[in-house]
Amino acid sequence: MSETGVVRLTVNGKYYERTAPVRMTLADFLREELDLTGTHLGCEHGVCGACTLLFNGQAVRSCLMLAVQADGAELMTVEGLADGDQLHPLQQAFQDNHALQCGFCTPGFLMTLYAFLRDTPNPTEEQIREGMSGNICRCTGYLPIIAAAKQASSSFH
């Protein structure tokens, strides 16, 4: 049995083909093999949400997946949100509402809320709270993140 596997995938619109150890997580693969370090690792148990990215359009925890499971997938990481120097409206809303402090959880919140707002037009505050309930922030108290999500929600329609 081979201890490595070939991983062919598209990340943020760019195609990659790499060999990876079969036990390497997708989060580690992105950070170590593709040098996409925006995906953060917090708990490494799928609880904190810092490693959230879009996997074939769905928000997933990349610390709970193996890189070889992503073979053939299309991923979007936090690096894929901005258009060059132009922030995505969700990123701009985070800046406008001071929705980050240390920034460690921010990539996971951005990707979680991106998928949530894409799928939930005009969310209520309660819906936003539920939509981001799988992500943990130890700094902001969540209120600025909710305000940012409300501000950005109109840009998803």
Protein backbone atom coordinates (compact mmCIF):
# COMPACT_ATOMS: atom_id res chain seq x y z
CA MET A 1 0.00 0.00 0.00
CA SER A 2 1.33 3.40 -0.99
CA GLU A 3 2.00 5.95 1.74
CA THR A 4 1.40 8.86 -0.66
CA GLY A 5 -1.32 9.80 -3.08
CA VAL A 6 -1.71 12.21 -5.95
CA VAL A 7 -3.99 15.14 -5.26
CA ARG A 8 -5.36 17.06 -8.23
CA LEU A 9 -7.59 19.94 -7.31
CA THR A 10 -8.53 23.51 -8.09
CA VAL A 11 -8.06 26.09 -5.37
CA ASN A 12 -9.32 29.63 -5.88
CA GLY A 13 -9.53 29.00 -9.61
CA LYS A 14 -5.98 27.65 -9.96
CA TYR A 15 -5.24 23.99 -10.75
CA TYR A 16 -2.71 22.10 -8.63
CA GLU A 17 -1.30 18.59 -8.78
CA ARG A 18 0.82 17.37 -5.88
CA THR A 19 1.78 14.19 -4.12
CA ALA A 20 0.82 14.09 -0.46
CA PRO A 21 1.13 11.66 2.42
CA VAL A 22 -2.16 9.75 2.69
CA ARG A 23 -2.59 10.89 6.31
CA MET A 24 -1.97 14.61 5.67
CA THR A 25 -4.98 16.77 6.45
CA LEU A 26 -6.38 19.07 3.83
CA ALA A 27 -5.57 22.06 6.06
CA ASP A 28 -1.92 21.01 6.31
CA PHE A 29 -1.79 20.31 2.58
CA LEU A 30 -3.01 23.84 1.77
CA ARG A 31 -0.59 25.44 4.19
CA GLU A 32 2.50 23.28 3.61
CA GLU A 33 2.23 22.11 0.01
CA LEU A 34 0.42 25.03 -1.65
CA ASP A 35 1.65 27.82 0.66
CA LEU A 36 -1.94 29.03 1.20
CA THR A 37 -1.60 29.95 4.86
CA GLY A 38 -4.87 31.84 5.26
CA THR A 39 -6.57 28.67 6.44
CA HIS A 40 -5.80 28.53 10.15
CA LEU A 41 -5.60 25.54 12.46
CA GLY A 42 -7.03 26.01 15.92
CA CYS A 43 -8.38 22.94 17.67
CA GLU A 44 -7.65 20.37 14.93
CA HIS A 45 -10.86 18.59 16.01
CA GLY A 46 -13.42 20.44 13.85
CA VAL A 47 -14.82 22.40 16.79
CA CYS A 48 -13.45 25.95 16.40
CA GLY A 49 -14.10 26.58 12.69
CA ALA A 50 -10.79 28.38 12.02
CA CYS A 51 -9.98 25.98 9.16
CA THR A 52 -13.30 26.38 7.33
CA LEU A 53 -13.16 26.58 3.54
CA LEU A 54 -15.49 25.83 0.66
CA PHE A 55 -15.26 22.30 -0.74
CA ASN A 56 -17.26 22.02 -3.96
CA GLY A 57 -19.25 25.00 -2.70
CA GLN A 58 -19.97 23.69 0.80
CA ALA A 59 -18.39 25.03 3.99
CA VAL A 60 -16.27 22.27 5.55
CA ARG A 61 -13.63 21.88 8.23
CA SER A 62 -10.36 21.20 6.44
CA CYS A 63 -8.73 19.79 9.59
CA LEU A 64 -11.18 16.87 9.45
CA MET A 65 -10.46 15.93 5.85
CA LEU A 66 -7.48 14.26 4.31
CA ALA A 67 -5.81 15.92 1.34
CA VAL A 68 -6.31 12.79 -0.76
CA GLN A 69 -10.07 13.10 -0.20
CA ALA A 70 -9.93 16.42 -2.06
CA ASP A 71 -8.67 14.83 -5.28
CA GLY A 72 -10.80 16.28 -8.09
CA ALA A 73 -12.42 18.89 -5.83
CA GLU A 74 -12.83 22.61 -6.26
CA LEU A 75 -11.86 24.60 -3.18
CA MET A 76 -12.17 28.21 -2.18
CA THR A 77 -10.06 29.51 0.68
CA VAL A 78 -9.99 32.94 2.27
CA GLU A 79 -7.31 33.92 -0.26
CA GLY A 80 -9.96 33.54 -2.97
CA LEU A 81 -12.38 36.13 -1.56
CA ALA A 82 -10.66 39.36 -2.57
CA ASP A 83 -10.32 40.42 -6.19
CA GLY A 84 -6.72 41.55 -6.25
CA ASP A 85 -6.50 44.53 -3.92
CA GLN A 86 -10.29 44.92 -3.87
CA LEU A 87 -11.73 43.37 -0.71
CA HIS A 88 -14.82 41.20 -1.00
CA PRO A 89 -17.86 43.01 0.47
CA LEU A 90 -17.83 40.59 3.40
CA GLN A 91 -14.19 41.37 4.13
CA GLN A 92 -14.95 45.09 3.85
CA ALA A 93 -17.86 44.69 6.25
CA PHE A 94 -15.56 42.98 8.76
CA GLN A 95 -13.19 45.94 8.49
CA ASP A 96 -16.00 48.52 8.71
CA ASN A 97 -17.52 46.89 11.80
CA HIS A 98 -14.26 46.05 13.57
CA ALA A 99 -15.31 42.41 13.44
CA LEU A 100 -11.83 41.08 14.11
CA GLN A 101 -9.23 41.59 16.73
CA CYS A 102 -6.46 39.02 16.77
CA GLY A 103 -7.64 37.74 13.38
CA PHE A 104 -6.99 34.07 14.04
CA CYS A 105 -10.62 33.00 13.67
CA THR A 106 -11.38 35.49 10.90
CA PRO A 107 -10.66 33.28 7.84
CA GLY A 108 -13.00 30.60 9.15
CA PHE A 109 -15.73 33.11 9.94
CA LEU A 110 -15.39 34.69 6.51
CA MET A 111 -15.72 31.38 4.69
CA THR A 112 -18.57 30.19 6.91
CA LEU A 113 -20.47 33.45 6.46
CA TYR A 114 -19.72 33.56 2.73
CA ALA A 115 -21.47 30.20 2.26
CA PHE A 116 -24.24 31.13 4.70
CA LEU A 117 -25.01 34.51 3.11
CA ARG A 118 -24.87 33.02 -0.37
CA ASP A 119 -27.55 30.52 0.66
CA THR A 120 -29.61 32.70 3.03
CA PRO A 121 -30.95 35.92 1.52
CA ASN A 122 -31.78 38.73 3.97
CA PRO A 123 -31.01 36.76 7.13
CA THR A 124 -32.32 37.79 10.51
CA GLU A 125 -29.92 38.28 13.39
CA GLU A 126 -31.07 34.95 14.81
CA GLN A 127 -30.33 33.21 11.48
CA ILE A 128 -26.86 34.79 11.40
CA ARG A 129 -26.19 33.63 14.96
CA GLU A 130 -27.24 30.11 14.00
CA GLY A 131 -25.26 30.22 10.74
CA MET A 132 -22.03 31.10 12.50
CA SER A 133 -22.62 29.02 15.63
CA GLY A 134 -19.95 26.49 14.64
CA ASN A 135 -17.18 29.09 14.76
CA ILE A 136 -15.46 30.27 17.91
CA CYS A 137 -13.98 33.72 18.54
CA ARG A 138 -12.27 34.54 21.81
CA CYS A 139 -11.86 38.29 21.20
CA THR A 140 -14.80 40.14 19.65
CA GLY A 141 -17.86 39.09 21.62
CA TYR A 142 -19.52 38.23 18.26
CA LEU A 143 -21.64 41.40 17.99
CA PRO A 144 -19.33 43.08 15.43
CA ILE A 145 -19.30 39.85 13.39
CA ILE A 146 -23.09 39.81 13.33
CA ALA A 147 -23.13 43.47 12.27
CA ALA A 148 -20.64 42.71 9.49
CA ALA A 149 -22.76 39.80 8.25
CA LYS A 150 -25.87 42.00 8.21
CA GLN A 151 -24.00 44.72 6.28
CA ALA A 152 -22.60 42.29 3.74
CA SER A 153 -25.82 40.31 3.23
CA SER A 154 -27.14 42.71 0.59
CA SER A 155 -24.09 42.08 -1.62
CA PHE A 156 -25.05 38.41 -2.01
CA HIS A 157 -28.31 39.03 -3.89
